[in-house]
Amino acid sequence: MSLVKYLSSLLMIVIGIAVMVLLATVVFFVTIFVVSTGSDLAGYNPGDDYVVLSSTLIVVAVILTGGFTPRLSGNSDDDDAADDEFGDRTFR
């Protein structure tokens, strides 16, 4: 491989990381709004620390569960499983 291919691959990785950080930040702020609004609607008045903590836990759970495929709990001997282009790669 040439140096140009390595540098373009490195650039694509950096761009991908930057996009993921940007999306995670947007999701975090939306989650803060949802948690804060939901607690106000429920009649609670939590401190800002607890709103940020609960939003952080929710976002981390969403990010971690996003790595699992939807077919994780499904049966692997389905008839249409062989026809799928993107199968369950988790337990191979």
PDB file of N, CA and C in Angstrom:
ATOM      1  N   MET A   1       0.836  -1.190   0.000  1.00  0.00           N
ATOM      2  CA  MET A   1       0.000   0.000   0.000  1.00  0.00           C
ATOM      3  C   MET A   1       0.872   1.241   0.000  1.00  0.00           C
ATOM      4  N   SER A   2       0.386   2.236  -0.637  1.00  0.00           N
ATOM      5  CA  SER A   2       1.153   3.466  -0.688  1.00  0.00           C
ATOM      6  C   SER A   2       0.857   4.340   0.524  1.00  0.00           C
ATOM      7  N   LEU A   3       1.657   5.333   0.670  1.00  0.00           N
ATOM      8  CA  LEU A   3       1.508   6.256   1.789  1.00  0.00           C
ATOM      9  C   LEU A   3       0.199   7.031   1.692  1.00  0.00           C
ATOM     10  N   VAL A   4      -0.251   7.303   0.489  1.00  0.00           N
ATOM     11  CA  VAL A   4      -1.490   8.046   0.301  1.00  0.00           C
ATOM     12  C   VAL A   4      -2.685   7.245   0.815  1.00  0.00           C
ATOM     13  N   LYS A   5      -2.686   5.936   0.586  1.00  0.00           N
ATOM     14  CA  LYS A   5      -3.785   5.098   1.084  1.00  0.00           C
ATOM     15  C   LYS A   5      -3.797   5.048   2.602  1.00  0.00           C
ATOM     16  N   TYR A   6      -2.614   4.972   3.210  1.00  0.00           N
ATOM     17  CA  TYR A   6      -2.552   4.980   4.673  1.00  0.00           C
ATOM     18  C   TYR A   6      -3.064   6.296   5.246  1.00  0.00           C
ATOM     19  N   LEU A   7      -2.660   7.395   4.637  1.00  0.00           N
ATOM     20  CA  LEU A   7      -3.099   8.700   5.124  1.00  0.00           C
ATOM     21  C   LEU A   7      -4.590   8.911   4.902  1.00  0.00           C
ATOM     22  N   SER A   8      -5.112   8.421   3.795  1.00  0.00           N
ATOM     23  CA  SER A   8      -6.559   8.565   3.567  1.00  0.00           C
ATOM     24  C   SER A   8      -7.346   7.690   4.529  1.00  0.00           C
ATOM     25  N   SER A   9      -6.835   6.513   4.847  1.00  0.00           N
ATOM     26  CA  SER A   9      -7.492   5.662   5.842  1.00  0.00           C
ATOM     27  C   SER A   9      -7.460   6.312   7.224  1.00  0.00           C
ATOM     28  N   LEU A  10      -6.335   6.892   7.562  1.00  0.00           N
ATOM     29  CA  LEU A  10      -6.222   7.586   8.843  1.00  0.00           C
ATOM     30  C   LEU A  10      -7.171   8.774   8.908  1.00  0.00           C
ATOM     31  N   LEU A  11      -7.284   9.503   7.823  1.00  0.00           N
ATOM     32  CA  LEU A  11      -8.201  10.641   7.776  1.00  0.00           C
ATOM     33  C   LEU A  11      -9.646  10.189   7.926  1.00  0.00           C
ATOM     34  N   MET A  12     -10.013   9.095   7.287  1.00  0.00           N
ATOM     35  CA  MET A  12     -11.376   8.577   7.411  1.00  0.00           C
ATOM     36  C   MET A  12     -11.672   8.130   8.847  1.00  0.00           C
ATOM     37  N   ILE A  13     -10.705   7.541   9.513  1.00  0.00           N
ATOM     38  CA  ILE A  13     -10.884   7.132  10.906  1.00  0.00           C
ATOM     39  C   ILE A  13     -11.087   8.349  11.797  1.00  0.00           C
ATOM     40  N   VAL A  14     -10.296   9.385  11.589  1.00  0.00           N
ATOM     41  CA  VAL A  14     -10.414  10.609  12.389  1.00  0.00           C
ATOM     42  C   VAL A  14     -11.767  11.275  12.144  1.00  0.00           C
ATOM     43  N   ILE A  15     -12.217  11.316  10.903  1.00  0.00           N
ATOM     44  CA  ILE A  15     -13.524  11.894  10.583  1.00  0.00           C
ATOM     45  C   ILE A  15     -14.639  11.072  11.228  1.00  0.00           C
ATOM     46  N   GLY A  16     -14.517   9.754  11.180  1.00  0.00           N
ATOM     47  CA  GLY A  16     -15.522   8.893  11.807  1.00  0.00           C
ATOM     48  C   GLY A  16     -15.600   9.103  13.305  1.00  0.00           C
ATOM     49  N   ILE A  17     -14.461   9.226  13.948  1.00  0.00           N
ATOM     50  CA  ILE A  17     -14.443   9.468  15.394  1.00  0.00           C
ATOM     51  C   ILE A  17     -15.051  10.822  15.713  1.00  0.00           C
ATOM     52  N   ALA A  18     -14.739  11.833  14.924  1.00  0.00           N
ATOM     53  CA  ALA A  18     -15.285  13.173  15.159  1.00  0.00           C
ATOM     54  C   ALA A  18     -16.803  13.188  14.997  1.00  0.00           C
ATOM     55  N   VAL A  19     -17.310  12.479  13.993  1.00  0.00           N
ATOM     56  CA  VAL A  19     -18.759  12.419  13.785  1.00  0.00           C
ATOM     57  C   VAL A  19     -19.432  11.688  14.938  1.00  0.00           C
ATOM     58  N   MET A  20     -18.833  10.598  15.410  1.00  0.00           N
ATOM     59  CA  MET A  20     -19.425   9.859  16.521  1.00  0.00           C
ATOM     60  C   MET A  20     -19.427  10.685  17.814  1.00  0.00           C
ATOM     61  N   VAL A  21     -18.374  11.444  18.058  1.00  0.00           N
ATOM     62  CA  VAL A  21     -18.329  12.304  19.241  1.00  0.00           C
ATOM     63  C   VAL A  21     -19.380  13.399  19.131  1.00  0.00           C
ATOM     64  N   LEU A  22     -19.538  13.963  17.941  1.00  0.00           N
ATOM     65  CA  LEU A  22     -20.553  14.995  17.738  1.00  0.00           C
ATOM     66  C   LEU A  22     -21.963  14.441  17.956  1.00  0.00           C
ATOM     67  N   LEU A  23     -22.238  13.263  17.414  1.00  0.00           N
ATOM     68  CA  LEU A  23     -23.558  12.659  17.602  1.00  0.00           C
ATOM     69  C   LEU A  23     -23.806  12.282  19.058  1.00  0.00           C
ATOM     70  N   ALA A  24     -22.792  11.784  19.740  1.00  0.00           N
ATOM     71  CA  ALA A  24     -22.950  11.438  21.156  1.00  0.00           C
ATOM     72  C   ALA A  24     -23.216  12.684  21.991  1.00  0.00           C
ATOM     73  N   THR A  25     -22.592  13.797  21.642  1.00  0.00           N
ATOM     74  CA  THR A  25     -22.824  15.045  22.365  1.00  0.00           C
ATOM     75  C   THR A  25     -24.247  15.549  22.149  1.00  0.00           C
ATOM     76  N   VAL A  26     -24.728  15.471  20.913  1.00  0.00           N
ATOM     77  CA  VAL A  26     -26.100  15.894  20.625  1.00  0.00           C
ATOM     78  C   VAL A  26     -27.093  15.011  21.379  1.00  0.00           C
ATOM     79  N   VAL A  27     -26.871  13.692  21.363  1.00  0.00           N
ATOM     80  CA  VAL A  27     -27.760  12.777  22.074  1.00  0.00           C
ATOM     81  C   VAL A  27     -27.718  13.048  23.579  1.00  0.00           C
ATOM     82  N   PHE A  28     -26.557  13.383  24.096  1.00  0.00           N
ATOM     83  CA  PHE A  28     -26.432  13.692  25.523  1.00  0.00           C
ATOM     84  C   PHE A  28     -27.259  14.915  25.897  1.00  0.00           C
ATOM     85  N   PHE A  29     -27.193  15.981  25.099  1.00  0.00           N
ATOM     86  CA  PHE A  29     -27.965  17.182  25.402  1.00  0.00           C
ATOM     87  C   PHE A  29     -29.462  16.949  25.258  1.00  0.00           C
ATOM     88  N   VAL A  30     -29.861  16.158  24.288  1.00  0.00           N
ATOM     89  CA  VAL A  30     -31.277  15.822  24.150  1.00  0.00           C
ATOM     90  C   VAL A  30     -31.742  15.012  25.354  1.00  0.00           C
ATOM     91  N   THR A  31     -30.905  14.099  25.817  1.00  0.00           N
ATOM     92  CA  THR A  31     -31.256  13.285  26.980  1.00  0.00           C
ATOM     93  C   THR A  31     -31.346  14.131  28.244  1.00  0.00           C
ATOM     94  N   ILE A  32     -30.476  15.114  28.380  1.00  0.00           N
ATOM     95  CA  ILE A  32     -30.569  16.022  29.528  1.00  0.00           C
ATOM     96  C   ILE A  32     -31.903  16.753  29.504  1.00  0.00           C
ATOM     97  N   PHE A  33     -32.311  17.226  28.333  1.00  0.00           N
ATOM     98  CA  PHE A  33     -33.601  17.914  28.213  1.00  0.00           C
ATOM     99  C   PHE A  33     -34.753  16.981  28.568  1.00  0.00           C
ATOM    100  N   VAL A  34     -34.702  15.748  28.083  1.00  0.00           N
ATOM    101  CA  VAL A  34     -35.786  14.797  28.342  1.00  0.00           C
ATOM    102  C   VAL A  34     -35.861  14.447  29.828  1.00  0.00           C
ATOM    103  N   VAL A  35     -34.725  14.202  30.455  1.00  0.00           N
ATOM    104  CA  VAL A  35     -34.713  13.851  31.876  1.00  0.00           C
ATOM    105  C   VAL A  35     -35.186  15.026  32.722  1.00  0.00           C
ATOM    106  N   SER A  36     -34.721  16.213  32.398  1.00  0.00           N
ATOM    107  CA  SER A  36     -35.119  17.392  33.159  1.00  0.00           C
ATOM    108  C   SER A  36     -36.618  17.685  33.007  1.00  0.00           C
ATOM    109  N   THR A  37     -37.113  17.609  31.784  1.00  0.00           N
ATOM    110  CA  THR A  37     -38.533  17.856  31.539  1.00  0.00           C
ATOM    111  C   THR A  37     -39.395  16.766  32.171  1.00  0.00           C
ATOM    112  N   GLY A  38     -38.958  15.531  32.070  1.00  0.00           N
ATOM    113  CA  GLY A  38     -39.718  14.430  32.666  1.00  0.00           C
ATOM    114  C   GLY A  38     -39.787  14.521  34.170  1.00  0.00           C
ATOM    115  N   SER A  39     -38.701  14.920  34.797  1.00  0.00           N
ATOM    116  CA  SER A  39     -38.731  15.053  36.259  1.00  0.00           C
ATOM    117  C   SER A  39     -39.603  16.233  36.683  1.00  0.00           C
ATOM    118  N   ASP A  40     -39.607  17.300  35.904  1.00  0.00           N
ATOM    119  CA  ASP A  40     -40.502  18.425  36.212  1.00  0.00           C
ATOM    120  C   ASP A  40     -41.965  18.021  36.056  1.00  0.00           C
ATOM    121  N   LEU A  41     -42.270  17.261  35.019  1.00  0.00           N
ATOM    122  CA  LEU A  41     -43.648  16.804  34.810  1.00  0.00           C
ATOM    123  C   LEU A  41     -44.099  15.852  35.907  1.00  0.00           C
ATOM    124  N   ALA A  42     -43.163  15.089  36.450  1.00  0.00           N
ATOM    125  CA  ALA A  42     -43.506  14.151  37.521  1.00  0.00           C
ATOM    126  C   ALA A  42     -43.569  14.831  38.880  1.00  0.00           C
ATOM    127  N   GLY A  43     -43.206  16.094  38.937  1.00  0.00           N
ATOM    128  CA  GLY A  43     -43.283  16.820  40.194  1.00  0.00           C
ATOM    129  C   GLY A  43     -42.025  16.755  41.025  1.00  0.00           C
ATOM    130  N   TYR A  44     -40.938  16.244  40.455  1.00  0.00           N
ATOM    131  CA  TYR A  44     -39.671  16.177  41.174  1.00  0.00           C
ATOM    132  C   TYR A  44     -38.811  17.378  40.805  1.00  0.00           C
ATOM    133  N   ASN A  45     -37.933  17.732  41.692  1.00  0.00           N
ATOM    134  CA  ASN A  45     -37.014  18.832  41.441  1.00  0.00           C
ATOM    135  C   ASN A  45     -35.597  18.371  41.787  1.00  0.00           C
ATOM    136  N   PRO A  46     -35.013  17.505  40.971  1.00  0.00           N
ATOM    137  CA  PRO A  46     -33.673  17.009  41.294  1.00  0.00           C
ATOM    138  C   PRO A  46     -32.618  18.080  41.020  1.00  0.00           C
ATOM    139  N   GLY A  47     -31.493  17.918  41.667  1.00  0.00           N
ATOM    140  CA  GLY A  47     -30.387  18.830  41.422  1.00  0.00           C
ATOM    141  C   GLY A  47     -29.785  18.596  40.044  1.00  0.00           C
ATOM    142  N   ASP A  48     -29.024  19.568  39.597  1.00  0.00           N
ATOM    143  CA  ASP A  48     -28.407  19.454  38.273  1.00  0.00           C
ATOM    144  C   ASP A  48     -27.449  18.267  38.187  1.00  0.00           C
ATOM    145  N   ASP A  49     -26.791  17.957  39.305  1.00  0.00           N
ATOM    146  CA  ASP A  49     -25.860  16.831  39.313  1.00  0.00           C
ATOM    147  C   ASP A  49     -26.577  15.514  39.011  1.00  0.00           C
ATOM    148  N   TYR A  50     -27.759  15.344  39.586  1.00  0.00           N
ATOM    149  CA  TYR A  50     -28.500  14.101  39.371  1.00  0.00           C
ATOM    150  C   TYR A  50     -29.074  14.016  37.956  1.00  0.00           C
ATOM    151  N   VAL A  51     -29.438  15.158  37.386  1.00  0.00           N
ATOM    152  CA  VAL A  51     -29.924  15.157  36.008  1.00  0.00           C
ATOM    153  C   VAL A  51     -28.797  14.756  35.065  1.00  0.00           C
ATOM    154  N   VAL A  52     -27.623  15.301  35.266  1.00  0.00           N
ATOM    155  CA  VAL A  52     -26.476  14.962  34.408  1.00  0.00           C
ATOM    156  C   VAL A  52     -26.065  13.512  34.615  1.00  0.00           C
ATOM    157  N   LEU A  53     -26.070  13.049  35.867  1.00  0.00           N
ATOM    158  CA  LEU A  53     -25.703  11.662  36.147  1.00  0.00           C
ATOM    159  C   LEU A  53     -26.664  10.688  35.485  1.00  0.00           C
ATOM    160  N   SER A  54     -27.951  10.920  35.613  1.00  0.00           N
ATOM    161  CA  SER A  54     -28.922  10.004  35.010  1.00  0.00           C
ATOM    162  C   SER A  54     -28.865  10.074  33.493  1.00  0.00           C
ATOM    163  N   SER A  55     -28.647  11.251  32.932  1.00  0.00           N
ATOM    164  CA  SER A  55     -28.519  11.367  31.477  1.00  0.00           C
ATOM    165  C   SER A  55     -27.272  10.638  30.981  1.00  0.00           C
ATOM    166  N   THR A  56     -26.202  10.743  31.736  1.00  0.00           N
ATOM    167  CA  THR A  56     -24.974  10.042  31.364  1.00  0.00           C
ATOM    168  C   THR A  56     -25.174   8.541  31.380  1.00  0.00           C
ATOM    169  N   LEU A  57     -25.836   8.030  32.401  1.00  0.00           N
ATOM    170  CA  LEU A  57     -26.085   6.587  32.473  1.00  0.00           C
ATOM    171  C   LEU A  57     -26.970   6.111  31.324  1.00  0.00           C
ATOM    172  N   ILE A  58     -27.956   6.908  30.961  1.00  0.00           N
ATOM    173  CA  ILE A  58     -28.834   6.540  29.851  1.00  0.00           C
ATOM    174  C   ILE A  58     -28.062   6.521  28.543  1.00  0.00           C
ATOM    175  N   VAL A  59     -27.240   7.544  28.292  1.00  0.00           N
ATOM    176  CA  VAL A  59     -26.480   7.617  27.041  1.00  0.00           C
ATOM    177  C   VAL A  59     -25.448   6.488  26.961  1.00  0.00           C
ATOM    178  N   VAL A  60     -24.791   6.187  28.062  1.00  0.00           N
ATOM    179  CA  VAL A  60     -23.816   5.080  28.063  1.00  0.00           C
ATOM    180  C   VAL A  60     -24.518   3.756  27.781  1.00  0.00           C
ATOM    181  N   ALA A  61     -25.699   3.553  28.362  1.00  0.00           N
ATOM    182  CA  ALA A  61     -26.446   2.320  28.106  1.00  0.00           C
ATOM    183  C   ALA A  61     -26.863   2.229  26.645  1.00  0.00           C
ATOM    184  N   VAL A  62     -27.266   3.350  26.060  1.00  0.00           N
ATOM    185  CA  VAL A  62     -27.654   3.349  24.647  1.00  0.00           C
ATOM    186  C   VAL A  62     -26.455   3.048  23.760  1.00  0.00           C
ATOM    187  N   ILE A  63     -25.314   3.641  24.063  1.00  0.00           N
ATOM    188  CA  ILE A  63     -24.116   3.406  23.252  1.00  0.00           C
ATOM    189  C   ILE A  63     -23.656   1.949  23.366  1.00  0.00           C
ATOM    190  N   LEU A  64     -23.680   1.409  24.584  1.00  0.00           N
ATOM    191  CA  LEU A  64     -23.234   0.028  24.760  1.00  0.00           C
ATOM    192  C   LEU A  64     -24.180  -0.973  24.111  1.00  0.00           C
ATOM    193  N   THR A  65     -25.478  -0.753  24.217  1.00  0.00           N
ATOM    194  CA  THR A  65     -26.420  -1.695  23.611  1.00  0.00           C
ATOM    195  C   THR A  65     -26.515  -1.514  22.107  1.00  0.00           C
ATOM    196  N   GLY A  66     -26.028  -0.412  21.580  1.00  0.00           N
ATOM    197  CA  GLY A  66     -26.020  -0.220  20.136  1.00  0.00           C
ATOM    198  C   GLY A  66     -25.059  -1.148  19.427  1.00  0.00           C
ATOM    199  N   GLY A  67     -24.122  -1.740  20.151  1.00  0.00           N
ATOM    200  CA  GLY A  67     -23.170  -2.661  19.548  1.00  0.00           C
ATOM    201  C   GLY A  67     -23.709  -4.060  19.350  1.00  0.00           C
ATOM    202  N   PHE A  68     -24.857  -4.361  19.927  1.00  0.00           N
ATOM    203  CA  PHE A  68     -25.438  -5.691  19.787  1.00  0.00           C
ATOM    204  C   PHE A  68     -26.396  -5.712  18.605  1.00  0.00           C
ATOM    205  N   THR A  69     -26.415  -6.825  17.910  1.00  0.00           N
ATOM    206  CA  THR A  69     -27.313  -6.931  16.766  1.00  0.00           C
ATOM    207  C   THR A  69     -28.731  -7.247  17.243  1.00  0.00           C
ATOM    208  N   PRO A  70     -29.745  -6.886  16.454  1.00  0.00           N
ATOM    209  CA  PRO A  70     -31.122  -7.172  16.860  1.00  0.00           C
ATOM    210  C   PRO A  70     -31.435  -8.665  16.914  1.00  0.00           C
ATOM    211  N   ARG A  71     -30.681  -9.486  16.227  1.00  0.00           N
ATOM    212  CA  ARG A  71     -30.960 -10.918  16.192  1.00  0.00           C
ATOM    213  C   ARG A  71     -30.267 -11.668  17.316  1.00  0.00           C
ATOM    214  N   LEU A  72     -29.729 -10.966  18.276  1.00  0.00           N
ATOM    215  CA  LEU A  72     -28.971 -11.601  19.348  1.00  0.00           C
ATOM    216  C   LEU A  72     -29.821 -12.581  20.137  1.00  0.00           C
ATOM    217  N   SER A  73     -31.082 -12.242  20.369  1.00  0.00           N
ATOM    218  CA  SER A  73     -31.944 -13.127  21.136  1.00  0.00           C
ATOM    219  C   SER A  73     -32.747 -14.070  20.250  1.00  0.00           C
ATOM    220  N   GLY A  74     -32.596 -13.932  18.943  1.00  0.00           N
ATOM    221  CA  GLY A  74     -33.361 -14.770  18.021  1.00  0.00           C
ATOM    222  C   GLY A  74     -32.757 -16.145  17.871  1.00  0.00           C
ATOM    223  N   ASN A  75     -33.472 -16.997  17.184  1.00  0.00           N
ATOM    224  CA  ASN A  75     -33.028 -18.351  16.935  1.00  0.00           C
ATOM    225  C   ASN A  75     -32.127 -18.357  15.710  1.00  0.00           C
ATOM    226  N   SER A  76     -30.991 -19.013  15.754  1.00  0.00           N
ATOM    227  CA  SER A  76     -30.030 -18.960  14.652  1.00  0.00           C
ATOM    228  C   SER A  76     -30.378 -19.914  13.517  1.00  0.00           C
ATOM    229  N   ASP A  77     -31.363 -20.796  13.695  1.00  0.00           N
ATOM    230  CA  ASP A  77     -31.699 -21.726  12.633  1.00  0.00           C
ATOM    231  C   ASP A  77     -32.961 -21.304  11.880  1.00  0.00           C
ATOM    232  N   ASP A  78     -33.210 -19.998  11.786  1.00  0.00           N
ATOM    233  CA  ASP A  78     -34.335 -19.501  11.011  1.00  0.00           C
ATOM    234  C   ASP A  78     -34.100 -19.764   9.522  1.00  0.00           C
ATOM    235  N   ASP A  79     -35.192 -19.889   8.775  1.00  0.00           N
ATOM    236  CA  ASP A  79     -35.066 -20.133   7.347  1.00  0.00           C
ATOM    237  C   ASP A  79     -34.517 -18.927   6.614  1.00  0.00           C
ATOM    238  N   ASP A  80     -34.893 -17.729   7.044  1.00  0.00           N
ATOM    239  CA  ASP A  80     -34.441 -16.535   6.344  1.00  0.00           C
ATOM    240  C   ASP A  80     -33.082 -16.049   6.834  1.00  0.00           C
ATOM    241  N   ALA A  81     -32.487 -16.716   7.821  1.00  0.00           N
ATOM    242  CA  ALA A  81     -31.193 -16.283   8.336  1.00  0.00           C
ATOM    243  C   ALA A  81     -30.097 -16.478   7.301  1.00  0.00           C
ATOM    244  N   ALA A  82     -30.211 -17.506   6.475  1.00  0.00           N
ATOM    245  CA  ALA A  82     -29.197 -17.757   5.460  1.00  0.00           C
ATOM    246  C   ALA A  82     -29.308 -16.760   4.317  1.00  0.00           C
ATOM    247  N   ASP A  83     -30.495 -16.162   4.127  1.00  0.00           N
ATOM    248  CA  ASP A  83     -30.700 -15.223   3.038  1.00  0.00           C
ATOM    249  C   ASP A  83     -30.246 -13.812   3.384  1.00  0.00           C
ATOM    250  N   ASP A  84     -30.048 -13.523   4.653  1.00  0.00           N
ATOM    251  CA  ASP A  84     -29.657 -12.174   5.065  1.00  0.00           C
ATOM    252  C   ASP A  84     -28.228 -11.883   4.656  1.00  0.00           C
ATOM    253  N   GLU A  85     -28.038 -10.686   4.116  1.00  0.00           N
ATOM    254  CA  GLU A  85     -26.688 -10.288   3.769  1.00  0.00           C
ATOM    255  C   GLU A  85     -25.876  -9.955   5.012  1.00  0.00           C
ATOM    256  N   PHE A  86     -26.544  -9.360   5.999  1.00  0.00           N
ATOM    257  CA  PHE A  86     -25.881  -9.004   7.242  1.00  0.00           C
ATOM    258  C   PHE A  86     -26.472  -9.867   8.347  1.00  0.00           C
ATOM    259  N   GLY A  87     -25.842 -10.969   8.654  1.00  0.00           N
ATOM    260  CA  GLY A  87     -26.325 -11.863   9.697  1.00  0.00           C
ATOM    261  C   GLY A  87     -25.793 -11.447  11.049  1.00  0.00           C
ATOM    262  N   ASP A  88     -26.088 -12.252  12.037  1.00  0.00           N
ATOM    263  CA  ASP A  88     -25.619 -12.006  13.392  1.00  0.00           C
ATOM    264  C   ASP A  88     -24.158 -12.390  13.473  1.00  0.00           C
ATOM    265  N   ARG A  89     -23.288 -11.414  13.621  1.00  0.00           N
ATOM    266  CA  ARG A  89     -21.855 -11.665  13.662  1.00  0.00           C
ATOM    267  C   ARG A  89     -21.333 -11.801  15.085  1.00  0.00           C
ATOM    268  N   THR A  90     -22.212 -11.709  16.072  1.00  0.00           N
ATOM    269  CA  THR A  90     -21.754 -11.641  17.453  1.00  0.00           C
ATOM    270  C   THR A  90     -21.233 -12.990  17.948  1.00  0.00           C
ATOM    271  N   PHE A  91     -21.913 -14.078  17.624  1.00  0.00           N
ATOM    272  CA  PHE A  91     -21.542 -15.397  18.172  1.00  0.00           C
ATOM    273  C   PHE A  91     -21.084 -16.346  17.088  1.00  0.00           C
ATOM    274  N   ARG A  92     -20.184 -15.927  16.259  1.00  0.00           N
ATOM    275  CA  ARG A  92     -19.659 -16.839  15.230  1.00  0.00           C
ATOM    276  C   ARG A  92     -18.298 -17.325  15.585  1.00  0.00           C
TER     277      ARG A  92
END
